[in-house]
């Protein structure tokens, strides 16, 4: 994502990193959710407290600093717009704001000087987790495992189909809003459900699916471009490869697992959220004052 935001040419489909993140998030949170609901230990209060402590301190810090700096670095009208977007972002509604009030698409040049534009993905994620725990709590105990899996698959296909059908005439809604993005989070939830219900077993100690997943994800970042119909049915390709990647490293006795839990990789995981929050305002401020960054500035 960061490489794509610095320069589209570095990684043409790098924006699918957000879609992959949705899969990871959906898998992680749903795994915990399914386990606690099945064990009758789920607490809505504890769930939201954990989400707030994990997400909001860093998010609020970046919003505050970005809005503050914009008052000195931007022209008055532009600074005002940053402040307004900051208010919407504070309430996890930035995606709604950019859908309703952003004049240009996410990929347009004008969007690249909007410092809090990247908060749309946090809006989608947090809105999803307002509804998802309640839905699981209500329907999971009432359905058998195959009905629950079928419902997940149907909802994923429905979400992707809505995105595919409405993208041309309602591009901003499709790109920014939950109904057309929920399928990506649910791909992760689907993998979590398949493992939770033992429909899919843990992979063998050393399996070839890991390399297939890596190749699929890399190919997606190189082949998928902003000019294609995305999001839509096409987002099923990188998200399914992301799910395959997660599953392929799920055996704790495998070599793959040891690779994925090496200290440099864990460090990268720990800083990734903060890096995502910070990189875009820095780029937006630079572009606002100086235009596109050179290679040296990019590094």
C-alpha atoms as a PDB file:
ATOM      1  CA  UNK A   1       0.000   0.000   0.000  1.00  0.00           C
ATOM      2  CA  UNK A   2       2.761   2.453   0.940  1.00  0.00           C
ATOM      3  CA  UNK A   3       4.714   1.721  -2.249  1.00  0.00           C
ATOM      4  CA  UNK A   4       1.560   2.239  -4.313  1.00  0.00           C
ATOM      5  CA  UNK A   5       0.804   5.520  -2.558  1.00  0.00           C
ATOM      6  CA  UNK A   6       4.333   6.813  -3.132  1.00  0.00           C
ATOM      7  CA  UNK A   7       4.168   6.023  -6.841  1.00  0.00           C
ATOM      8  CA  UNK A   8       1.659   3.911  -8.770  1.00  0.00           C
ATOM      9  CA  UNK A   9       4.422   2.657 -11.029  1.00  0.00           C
ATOM     10  CA  UNK A  10       6.289   0.950  -8.186  1.00  0.00           C
ATOM     11  CA  UNK A  11       3.462  -1.502  -7.561  1.00  0.00           C
ATOM     12  CA  UNK A  12       0.409  -0.932  -9.828  1.00  0.00           C
ATOM     13  CA  UNK A  13      -1.953  -3.058  -7.754  1.00  0.00           C
ATOM     14  CA  UNK A  14      -0.522  -2.204  -4.360  1.00  0.00           C
ATOM     15  CA  UNK A  15      -3.881  -0.804  -3.264  1.00  0.00           C
ATOM     16  CA  UNK A  16      -5.149  -4.398  -2.847  1.00  0.00           C
ATOM     17  CA  UNK A  17      -3.077  -4.467   0.341  1.00  0.00           C
ATOM     18  CA  UNK A  18      -6.122  -2.922   2.035  1.00  0.00           C
ATOM     19  CA  UNK A  19      -8.293  -5.781   0.764  1.00  0.00           C
ATOM     20  CA  UNK A  20      -5.761  -8.295   2.097  1.00  0.00           C
ATOM     21  CA  UNK A  21      -5.776  -6.464   5.423  1.00  0.00           C
ATOM     22  CA  UNK A  22      -9.567  -6.823   5.575  1.00  0.00           C
ATOM     23  CA  UNK A  23      -9.161 -10.596   5.178  1.00  0.00           C
ATOM     24  CA  UNK A  24      -6.567 -10.768   7.963  1.00  0.00           C
ATOM     25  CA  UNK A  25      -8.750  -8.659  10.247  1.00  0.00           C
ATOM     26  CA  UNK A  26     -11.861 -10.702   9.469  1.00  0.00           C
ATOM     27  CA  UNK A  27     -10.011 -13.937  10.170  1.00  0.00           C
ATOM     28  CA  UNK A  28      -8.395 -12.820  13.426  1.00  0.00           C
ATOM     29  CA  UNK A  29     -11.441 -11.188  15.007  1.00  0.00           C
ATOM     30  CA  UNK A  30     -13.877 -13.859  13.799  1.00  0.00           C
ATOM     31  CA  UNK A  31     -11.667 -16.676  15.112  1.00  0.00           C
ATOM     32  CA  UNK A  32     -11.792 -15.130  18.576  1.00  0.00           C
ATOM     33  CA  UNK A  33     -15.492 -14.400  18.203  1.00  0.00           C
ATOM     34  CA  UNK A  34     -16.498 -17.921  17.129  1.00  0.00           C
ATOM     35  CA  UNK A  35     -14.522 -19.490  19.944  1.00  0.00           C
ATOM     36  CA  UNK A  36     -15.992 -17.272  22.661  1.00  0.00           C
ATOM     37  CA  UNK A  37     -19.562 -17.580  21.360  1.00  0.00           C
ATOM     38  CA  UNK A  38     -19.256 -21.379  21.189  1.00  0.00           C
ATOM     39  CA  UNK A  39     -17.885 -21.441  24.760  1.00  0.00           C
ATOM     40  CA  UNK A  40     -20.551 -18.992  26.006  1.00  0.00           C
ATOM     41  CA  UNK A  41     -17.811 -16.632  27.182  1.00  0.00           C
ATOM     42  CA  UNK A  42     -18.435 -13.797  24.726  1.00  0.00           C
ATOM     43  CA  UNK A  43     -18.847 -10.315  26.194  1.00  0.00           C
ATOM     44  CA  UNK A  44     -19.894  -7.445  23.942  1.00  0.00           C
ATOM     45  CA  UNK A  45     -18.421  -4.968  26.429  1.00  0.00           C
ATOM     46  CA  UNK A  46     -15.027  -6.703  26.493  1.00  0.00           C
ATOM     47  CA  UNK A  47     -15.039  -7.013  22.703  1.00  0.00           C
ATOM     48  CA  UNK A  48     -15.520  -3.292  22.136  1.00  0.00           C
ATOM     49  CA  UNK A  49     -13.107  -2.311  24.920  1.00  0.00           C
ATOM     50  CA  UNK A  50     -10.374  -4.366  23.222  1.00  0.00           C
ATOM     51  CA  UNK A  51     -11.170  -2.792  19.850  1.00  0.00           C
ATOM     52  CA  UNK A  52     -11.092   0.731  21.315  1.00  0.00           C
ATOM     53  CA  UNK A  53      -7.777   0.184  23.121  1.00  0.00           C
ATOM     54  CA  UNK A  54      -6.207  -1.376  20.014  1.00  0.00           C
ATOM     55  CA  UNK A  55      -7.394   1.067  17.357  1.00  0.00           C
ATOM     56  CA  UNK A  56      -8.315   4.470  18.736  1.00  0.00           C
ATOM     57  CA  UNK A  57      -5.230   5.864  20.574  1.00  0.00           C
ATOM     58  CA  UNK A  58      -3.029   5.797  17.483  1.00  0.00           C
ATOM     59  CA  UNK A  59      -5.902   6.811  15.186  1.00  0.00           C
ATOM     60  CA  UNK A  60      -6.861   9.817  17.333  1.00  0.00           C
ATOM     61  CA  UNK A  61      -3.220  10.900  17.674  1.00  0.00           C
ATOM     62  CA  UNK A  62      -2.704  10.999  13.915  1.00  0.00           C
ATOM     63  CA  UNK A  63      -6.011  12.809  13.356  1.00  0.00           C
ATOM     64  CA  UNK A  64      -5.102  15.479  15.915  1.00  0.00           C
ATOM     65  CA  UNK A  65      -1.577  16.085  14.593  1.00  0.00           C
ATOM     66  CA  UNK A  66      -2.754  16.078  10.963  1.00  0.00           C
ATOM     67  CA  UNK A  67      -5.563  18.570  11.554  1.00  0.00           C
ATOM     68  CA  UNK A  68      -3.222  20.759  13.623  1.00  0.00           C
ATOM     69  CA  UNK A  69      -0.489  20.850  10.972  1.00  0.00           C
ATOM     70  CA  UNK A  70      -2.988  21.457   8.179  1.00  0.00           C
ATOM     71  CA  UNK A  71      -3.968  24.773   9.809  1.00  0.00           C
ATOM     72  CA  UNK A  72      -0.408  26.018   9.170  1.00  0.00           C
ATOM     73  CA  UNK A  73       0.438  24.225   5.912  1.00  0.00           C
ATOM     74  CA  UNK A  74      -2.820  24.460   3.929  1.00  0.00           C
ATOM     75  CA  UNK A  75      -4.798  27.359   2.530  1.00  0.00           C
ATOM     76  CA  UNK A  76      -7.773  28.282   4.770  1.00  0.00           C
ATOM     77  CA  UNK A  77     -10.518  26.476   2.819  1.00  0.00           C
ATOM     78  CA  UNK A  78      -8.398  23.335   2.443  1.00  0.00           C
ATOM     79  CA  UNK A  79      -7.457  23.419   6.142  1.00  0.00           C
ATOM     80  CA  UNK A  80     -11.146  23.679   7.028  1.00  0.00           C
ATOM     81  CA  UNK A  81     -11.919  20.611   4.915  1.00  0.00           C
ATOM     82  CA  UNK A  82      -9.166  18.653   6.664  1.00  0.00           C
ATOM     83  CA  UNK A  83     -10.668  19.608  10.031  1.00  0.00           C
ATOM     84  CA  UNK A  84     -14.136  18.500   8.906  1.00  0.00           C
ATOM     85  CA  UNK A  85     -12.788  15.175   7.641  1.00  0.00           C
ATOM     86  CA  UNK A  86     -10.990  14.840  10.997  1.00  0.00           C
ATOM     87  CA  UNK A  87     -14.295  15.098  12.864  1.00  0.00           C
ATOM     88  CA  UNK A  88     -15.889  12.429  10.669  1.00  0.00           C
ATOM     89  CA  UNK A  89     -12.791  10.233  11.052  1.00  0.00           C
ATOM     90  CA  UNK A  90     -12.977  10.549  14.833  1.00  0.00           C
ATOM     91  CA  UNK A  91     -16.385   8.871  14.734  1.00  0.00           C
ATOM     92  CA  UNK A  92     -15.241   6.164  12.260  1.00  0.00           C
ATOM     93  CA  UNK A  93     -17.347   7.718   9.501  1.00  0.00           C
ATOM     94  CA  UNK A  94     -14.597   8.962   7.194  1.00  0.00           C
ATOM     95  CA  UNK A  95     -15.721   6.592   4.441  1.00  0.00           C
ATOM     96  CA  UNK A  96     -19.205   8.125   4.584  1.00  0.00           C
ATOM     97  CA  UNK A  97     -17.697  11.626   4.413  1.00  0.00           C
ATOM     98  CA  UNK A  98     -15.533  10.867   1.383  1.00  0.00           C
ATOM     99  CA  UNK A  99     -18.413   9.116  -0.351  1.00  0.00           C
ATOM    100  CA  UNK A 100     -20.731  12.088   0.142  1.00  0.00           C
ATOM    101  CA  UNK A 101     -18.363  15.047  -0.136  1.00  0.00           C
ATOM    102  CA  UNK A 102     -15.187  14.028  -1.985  1.00  0.00           C
ATOM    103  CA  UNK A 103     -15.380  15.490  -5.499  1.00  0.00           C
ATOM    104  CA  UNK A 104     -12.872  13.097  -7.054  1.00  0.00           C
ATOM    105  CA  UNK A 105     -12.357   9.348  -6.946  1.00  0.00           C
ATOM    106  CA  UNK A 106      -9.860   7.649  -4.650  1.00  0.00           C
ATOM    107  CA  UNK A 107      -7.437   7.208  -7.565  1.00  0.00           C
ATOM    108  CA  UNK A 108      -7.711  10.778  -8.892  1.00  0.00           C
ATOM    109  CA  UNK A 109      -4.766  13.154  -8.513  1.00  0.00           C
ATOM    110  CA  UNK A 110      -6.856  15.572  -6.439  1.00  0.00           C
ATOM    111  CA  UNK A 111      -7.330  12.955  -3.744  1.00  0.00           C
ATOM    112  CA  UNK A 112      -3.605  12.706  -3.152  1.00  0.00           C
ATOM    113  CA  UNK A 113      -3.497  15.930  -1.144  1.00  0.00           C
ATOM    114  CA  UNK A 114      -6.323  14.874   1.198  1.00  0.00           C
ATOM    115  CA  UNK A 115      -4.419  13.958   4.389  1.00  0.00           C
ATOM    116  CA  UNK A 116      -7.045  11.741   6.064  1.00  0.00           C
ATOM    117  CA  UNK A 117      -8.391   9.991   2.968  1.00  0.00           C
ATOM    118  CA  UNK A 118      -6.860   6.672   4.046  1.00  0.00           C
ATOM    119  CA  UNK A 119      -9.096   6.593   7.129  1.00  0.00           C
ATOM    120  CA  UNK A 120     -11.910   5.319   4.909  1.00  0.00           C
ATOM    121  CA  UNK A 121     -10.638   1.760   5.468  1.00  0.00           C
ATOM    122  CA  UNK A 122     -10.757   2.182   9.250  1.00  0.00           C
ATOM    123  CA  UNK A 123     -14.319   3.427   8.880  1.00  0.00           C
ATOM    124  CA  UNK A 124     -15.311   0.311   6.946  1.00  0.00           C
ATOM    125  CA  UNK A 125     -13.614  -1.972   9.455  1.00  0.00           C
ATOM    126  CA  UNK A 126     -15.084  -0.351  12.563  1.00  0.00           C
ATOM    127  CA  UNK A 127     -18.581  -0.229  11.064  1.00  0.00           C
ATOM    128  CA  UNK A 128     -18.308  -3.920  10.243  1.00  0.00           C
ATOM    129  CA  UNK A 129     -17.393  -4.719  13.839  1.00  0.00           C
ATOM    130  CA  UNK A 130     -20.368  -2.798  15.159  1.00  0.00           C
ATOM    131  CA  UNK A 131     -22.679  -5.293  13.446  1.00  0.00           C
ATOM    132  CA  UNK A 132     -20.671  -8.505  13.110  1.00  0.00           C
ATOM    133  CA  UNK A 133     -20.450  -9.603  16.784  1.00  0.00           C
ATOM    134  CA  UNK A 134     -24.183  -9.046  17.251  1.00  0.00           C
ATOM    135  CA  UNK A 135     -25.004 -10.993  14.076  1.00  0.00           C
ATOM    136  CA  UNK A 136     -22.788 -13.909  15.116  1.00  0.00           C
ATOM    137  CA  UNK A 137     -24.257 -13.893  18.614  1.00  0.00           C
ATOM    138  CA  UNK A 138     -27.791 -14.049  17.231  1.00  0.00           C
ATOM    139  CA  UNK A 139     -27.492 -16.525  14.353  1.00  0.00           C
ATOM    140  CA  UNK A 140     -24.532 -18.787  15.065  1.00  0.00           C
ATOM    141  CA  UNK A 141     -26.219 -20.755  17.905  1.00  0.00           C
ATOM    142  CA  UNK A 142     -29.359 -21.191  15.773  1.00  0.00           C
ATOM    143  CA  UNK A 143     -27.720 -22.610  12.630  1.00  0.00           C
ATOM    144  CA  UNK A 144     -25.811 -25.806  12.007  1.00  0.00           C
ATOM    145  CA  UNK A 145     -22.284 -25.393  10.723  1.00  0.00           C
ATOM    146  CA  UNK A 146     -23.144 -26.025   7.068  1.00  0.00           C
ATOM    147  CA  UNK A 147     -25.973 -23.480   7.081  1.00  0.00           C
ATOM    148  CA  UNK A 148     -23.689 -20.932   8.705  1.00  0.00           C
ATOM    149  CA  UNK A 149     -20.951 -21.538   6.107  1.00  0.00           C
ATOM    150  CA  UNK A 150     -23.501 -21.335   3.279  1.00  0.00           C
ATOM    151  CA  UNK A 151     -24.782 -18.014   4.600  1.00  0.00           C
ATOM    152  CA  UNK A 152     -21.225 -16.648   4.722  1.00  0.00           C
ATOM    153  CA  UNK A 153     -20.483 -17.732   1.153  1.00  0.00           C
ATOM    154  CA  UNK A 154     -23.777 -16.253  -0.097  1.00  0.00           C
ATOM    155  CA  UNK A 155     -23.079 -12.903   1.613  1.00  0.00           C
ATOM    156  CA  UNK A 156     -19.541 -12.730   0.189  1.00  0.00           C
ATOM    157  CA  UNK A 157     -20.824 -13.334  -3.349  1.00  0.00           C
ATOM    158  CA  UNK A 158     -23.678 -10.854  -2.843  1.00  0.00           C
ATOM    159  CA  UNK A 159     -21.292  -8.127  -1.616  1.00  0.00           C
ATOM    160  CA  UNK A 160     -18.909  -8.654  -4.560  1.00  0.00           C
ATOM    161  CA  UNK A 161     -21.821  -8.708  -7.012  1.00  0.00           C
ATOM    162  CA  UNK A 162     -23.236  -5.436  -5.671  1.00  0.00           C
ATOM    163  CA  UNK A 163     -19.792  -3.876  -6.131  1.00  0.00           C
ATOM    164  CA  UNK A 164     -19.527  -5.253  -9.664  1.00  0.00           C
ATOM    165  CA  UNK A 165     -22.971  -4.048 -10.729  1.00  0.00           C
ATOM    166  CA  UNK A 166     -22.939  -0.573  -9.207  1.00  0.00           C
ATOM    167  CA  UNK A 167     -19.282   0.437  -9.678  1.00  0.00           C
ATOM    168  CA  UNK A 168     -19.776   2.280 -12.968  1.00  0.00           C
ATOM    169  CA  UNK A 169     -22.593   4.575 -11.807  1.00  0.00           C
ATOM    170  CA  UNK A 170     -21.822   4.723  -8.086  1.00  0.00           C
ATOM    171  CA  UNK A 171     -18.052   4.431  -7.913  1.00  0.00           C
ATOM    172  CA  UNK A 172     -17.544   6.335  -4.655  1.00  0.00           C
ATOM    173  CA  UNK A 173     -20.211   4.366  -2.798  1.00  0.00           C
ATOM    174  CA  UNK A 174     -18.832   1.047  -4.015  1.00  0.00           C
ATOM    175  CA  UNK A 175     -15.260   1.943  -3.141  1.00  0.00           C
ATOM    176  CA  UNK A 176     -15.823   3.478   0.276  1.00  0.00           C
ATOM    177  CA  UNK A 177     -18.880   1.882   1.810  1.00  0.00           C
ATOM    178  CA  UNK A 178     -19.448  -1.207   3.947  1.00  0.00           C
ATOM    179  CA  UNK A 179     -22.066  -3.146   1.890  1.00  0.00           C
ATOM    180  CA  UNK A 180     -19.662  -3.564  -1.030  1.00  0.00           C
ATOM    181  CA  UNK A 181     -16.596  -4.129   1.159  1.00  0.00           C
ATOM    182  CA  UNK A 182     -18.043  -6.468   3.789  1.00  0.00           C
ATOM    183  CA  UNK A 183     -17.374  -9.483   1.552  1.00  0.00           C
ATOM    184  CA  UNK A 184     -13.626  -8.987   1.955  1.00  0.00           C
ATOM    185  CA  UNK A 185     -13.806  -9.120   5.759  1.00  0.00           C
ATOM    186  CA  UNK A 186     -16.134 -12.098   5.460  1.00  0.00           C
ATOM    187  CA  UNK A 187     -13.585 -14.035   3.370  1.00  0.00           C
ATOM    188  CA  UNK A 188     -11.412 -14.002   6.493  1.00  0.00           C
ATOM    189  CA  UNK A 189     -14.430 -14.897   8.616  1.00  0.00           C
ATOM    190  CA  UNK A 190     -15.187 -17.801   6.260  1.00  0.00           C
ATOM    191  CA  UNK A 191     -11.715 -19.269   6.748  1.00  0.00           C
ATOM    192  CA  UNK A 192     -12.095 -18.824  10.505  1.00  0.00           C
ATOM    193  CA  UNK A 193     -15.443 -20.654  10.386  1.00  0.00           C
ATOM    194  CA  UNK A 194     -14.082 -23.518   8.254  1.00  0.00           C
ATOM    195  CA  UNK A 195     -11.291 -24.067  10.778  1.00  0.00           C
ATOM    196  CA  UNK A 196     -13.541 -23.560  13.793  1.00  0.00           C
ATOM    197  CA  UNK A 197     -16.005 -26.208  12.610  1.00  0.00           C
ATOM    198  CA  UNK A 198     -13.179 -28.541  11.484  1.00  0.00           C
ATOM    199  CA  UNK A 199     -14.510 -28.551   7.930  1.00  0.00           C
ATOM    200  CA  UNK A 200     -10.988 -27.641   6.822  1.00  0.00           C
ATOM    201  CA  UNK A 201      -8.087 -29.177   8.698  1.00  0.00           C
ATOM    202  CA  UNK A 202      -4.773 -27.575   9.499  1.00  0.00           C
ATOM    203  CA  UNK A 203      -2.309 -27.881   6.600  1.00  0.00           C
ATOM    204  CA  UNK A 204       0.425 -30.480   6.438  1.00  0.00           C
ATOM    205  CA  UNK A 205       3.776 -29.608   7.961  1.00  0.00           C
ATOM    206  CA  UNK A 206       5.222 -28.408   4.674  1.00  0.00           C
ATOM    207  CA  UNK A 207       2.734 -27.643   1.922  1.00  0.00           C
ATOM    208  CA  UNK A 208       2.921 -26.100  -1.523  1.00  0.00           C
ATOM    209  CA  UNK A 209      -0.096 -23.861  -0.935  1.00  0.00           C
ATOM    210  CA  UNK A 210       2.120 -21.282   0.781  1.00  0.00           C
ATOM    211  CA  UNK A 211       4.064 -20.613  -2.438  1.00  0.00           C
ATOM    212  CA  UNK A 212       0.844 -20.624  -4.479  1.00  0.00           C
ATOM    213  CA  UNK A 213      -0.580 -17.973  -2.123  1.00  0.00           C
ATOM    214  CA  UNK A 214       2.592 -15.850  -2.323  1.00  0.00           C
ATOM    215  CA  UNK A 215       2.662 -16.034  -6.129  1.00  0.00           C
ATOM    216  CA  UNK A 216      -1.064 -15.234  -6.296  1.00  0.00           C
ATOM    217  CA  UNK A 217      -0.761 -12.174  -4.069  1.00  0.00           C
ATOM    218  CA  UNK A 218       2.324 -10.833  -5.881  1.00  0.00           C
ATOM    219  CA  UNK A 219       0.691 -11.437  -9.274  1.00  0.00           C
ATOM    220  CA  UNK A 220      -2.420  -9.578  -8.091  1.00  0.00           C
ATOM    221  CA  UNK A 221      -0.362  -6.511  -7.114  1.00  0.00           C
ATOM    222  CA  UNK A 222       1.279  -6.493 -10.547  1.00  0.00           C
ATOM    223  CA  UNK A 223      -1.700  -7.301 -12.761  1.00  0.00           C
ATOM    224  CA  UNK A 224      -4.669  -5.596 -11.075  1.00  0.00           C
ATOM    225  CA  UNK A 225      -4.704  -1.844 -11.804  1.00  0.00           C
ATOM    226  CA  UNK A 226      -6.957   1.097 -10.860  1.00  0.00           C
ATOM    227  CA  UNK A 227      -8.361   1.078 -14.401  1.00  0.00           C
ATOM    228  CA  UNK A 228      -9.987  -2.320 -13.862  1.00  0.00           C
ATOM    229  CA  UNK A 229     -13.436  -2.931 -12.345  1.00  0.00           C
ATOM    230  CA  UNK A 230     -12.362  -2.952  -8.729  1.00  0.00           C
ATOM    231  CA  UNK A 231     -13.733  -3.616  -6.185  1.00  0.00           C
ATOM    232  CA  UNK A 232     -16.084  -6.215  -7.627  1.00  0.00           C
ATOM    233  CA  UNK A 233     -15.812  -9.879  -8.456  1.00  0.00           C
ATOM    234  CA  UNK A 234     -12.124  -9.201  -9.090  1.00  0.00           C
ATOM    235  CA  UNK A 235     -11.472  -8.624  -5.381  1.00  0.00           C
ATOM    236  CA  UNK A 236     -12.223 -12.290  -4.750  1.00  0.00           C
ATOM    237  CA  UNK A 237      -8.869 -13.188  -6.329  1.00  0.00           C
ATOM    238  CA  UNK A 238      -6.459 -11.406  -3.930  1.00  0.00           C
ATOM    239  CA  UNK A 239      -8.712 -11.994  -0.925  1.00  0.00           C
ATOM    240  CA  UNK A 240      -8.918 -15.746  -1.543  1.00  0.00           C
ATOM    241  CA  UNK A 241      -5.142 -15.892  -2.006  1.00  0.00           C
ATOM    242  CA  UNK A 242      -4.808 -13.986   1.273  1.00  0.00           C
ATOM    243  CA  UNK A 243      -7.014 -16.574   2.987  1.00  0.00           C
ATOM    244  CA  UNK A 244      -4.904 -19.359   1.464  1.00  0.00           C
ATOM    245  CA  UNK A 245      -1.772 -17.610   2.778  1.00  0.00           C
ATOM    246  CA  UNK A 246      -3.190 -17.483   6.315  1.00  0.00           C
ATOM    247  CA  UNK A 247      -4.277 -21.123   6.213  1.00  0.00           C
ATOM    248  CA  UNK A 248      -0.944 -22.345   4.783  1.00  0.00           C
ATOM    249  CA  UNK A 249       0.947 -20.993   7.798  1.00  0.00           C
ATOM    250  CA  UNK A 250      -1.526 -22.294  10.369  1.00  0.00           C
ATOM    251  CA  UNK A 251       0.463 -25.395  11.364  1.00  0.00           C
ATOM    252  CA  UNK A 252       2.687 -24.311  14.265  1.00  0.00           C
ATOM    253  CA  UNK A 253       5.076 -27.205  13.605  1.00  0.00           C
ATOM    254  CA  UNK A 254       5.775 -26.192  10.024  1.00  0.00           C
ATOM    255  CA  UNK A 255       8.780 -24.402   8.582  1.00  0.00           C
ATOM    256  CA  UNK A 256       6.421 -21.811   7.129  1.00  0.00           C
ATOM    257  CA  UNK A 257       5.126 -20.953  10.593  1.00  0.00           C
ATOM    258  CA  UNK A 258       8.671 -20.420  11.862  1.00  0.00           C
ATOM    259  CA  UNK A 259       9.335 -18.079   8.939  1.00  0.00           C
ATOM    260  CA  UNK A 260       6.196 -16.074   9.592  1.00  0.00           C
ATOM    261  CA  UNK A 261       6.954 -15.713  13.305  1.00  0.00           C
ATOM    262  CA  UNK A 262      10.569 -14.584  12.879  1.00  0.00           C
ATOM    263  CA  UNK A 263      11.351 -11.426  14.849  1.00  0.00           C
ATOM    264  CA  UNK A 264      11.747  -9.086  11.807  1.00  0.00           C
ATOM    265  CA  UNK A 265       8.353 -10.213  10.458  1.00  0.00           C
ATOM    266  CA  UNK A 266       6.674  -9.765  13.853  1.00  0.00           C
ATOM    267  CA  UNK A 267       8.249  -6.301  14.148  1.00  0.00           C
ATOM    268  CA  UNK A 268       6.877  -5.403  10.719  1.00  0.00           C
ATOM    269  CA  UNK A 269       3.441  -6.544  11.853  1.00  0.00           C
ATOM    270  CA  UNK A 270       3.616  -4.443  14.999  1.00  0.00           C
ATOM    271  CA  UNK A 271       4.526  -1.230  13.188  1.00  0.00           C
ATOM    272  CA  UNK A 272       2.305  -1.773  10.136  1.00  0.00           C
ATOM    273  CA  UNK A 273      -0.809  -0.111  11.597  1.00  0.00           C
ATOM    274  CA  UNK A 274       1.092   3.005  12.663  1.00  0.00           C
ATOM    275  CA  UNK A 275       2.961   3.098   9.350  1.00  0.00           C
ATOM    276  CA  UNK A 276      -0.365   2.969   7.504  1.00  0.00           C
ATOM    277  CA  UNK A 277      -1.781   5.827   9.594  1.00  0.00           C
ATOM    278  CA  UNK A 278       1.261   8.091   9.277  1.00  0.00           C
ATOM    279  CA  UNK A 279       2.518   7.596   5.725  1.00  0.00           C
ATOM    280  CA  UNK A 280      -0.456   9.088   3.895  1.00  0.00           C
ATOM    281  CA  UNK A 281      -0.608  12.480   5.692  1.00  0.00           C
ATOM    282  CA  UNK A 282       3.154  12.877   5.141  1.00  0.00           C
ATOM    283  CA  UNK A 283       2.730  12.229   1.427  1.00  0.00           C
ATOM    284  CA  UNK A 284      -0.334  14.485   1.217  1.00  0.00           C
ATOM    285  CA  UNK A 285       1.452  17.396   2.909  1.00  0.00           C
ATOM    286  CA  UNK A 286       4.467  16.982   0.634  1.00  0.00           C
ATOM    287  CA  UNK A 287       2.361  16.796  -2.527  1.00  0.00           C
ATOM    288  CA  UNK A 288       0.333  19.843  -1.461  1.00  0.00           C
ATOM    289  CA  UNK A 289       3.470  21.960  -1.212  1.00  0.00           C
ATOM    290  CA  UNK A 290       5.902  20.436  -3.684  1.00  0.00           C
ATOM    291  CA  UNK A 291       4.130  18.078  -6.086  1.00  0.00           C
ATOM    292  CA  UNK A 292       5.125  14.476  -6.711  1.00  0.00           C
ATOM    293  CA  UNK A 293       8.033  13.203  -4.590  1.00  0.00           C
ATOM    294  CA  UNK A 294      11.292  12.334  -6.331  1.00  0.00           C
ATOM    295  CA  UNK A 295      12.953   8.969  -5.845  1.00  0.00           C
ATOM    296  CA  UNK A 296      15.214  10.374  -3.115  1.00  0.00           C
ATOM    297  CA  UNK A 297      12.276  11.960  -1.267  1.00  0.00           C
ATOM    298  CA  UNK A 298      10.294   8.727  -1.644  1.00  0.00           C
ATOM    299  CA  UNK A 299      13.057   6.703   0.007  1.00  0.00           C
END
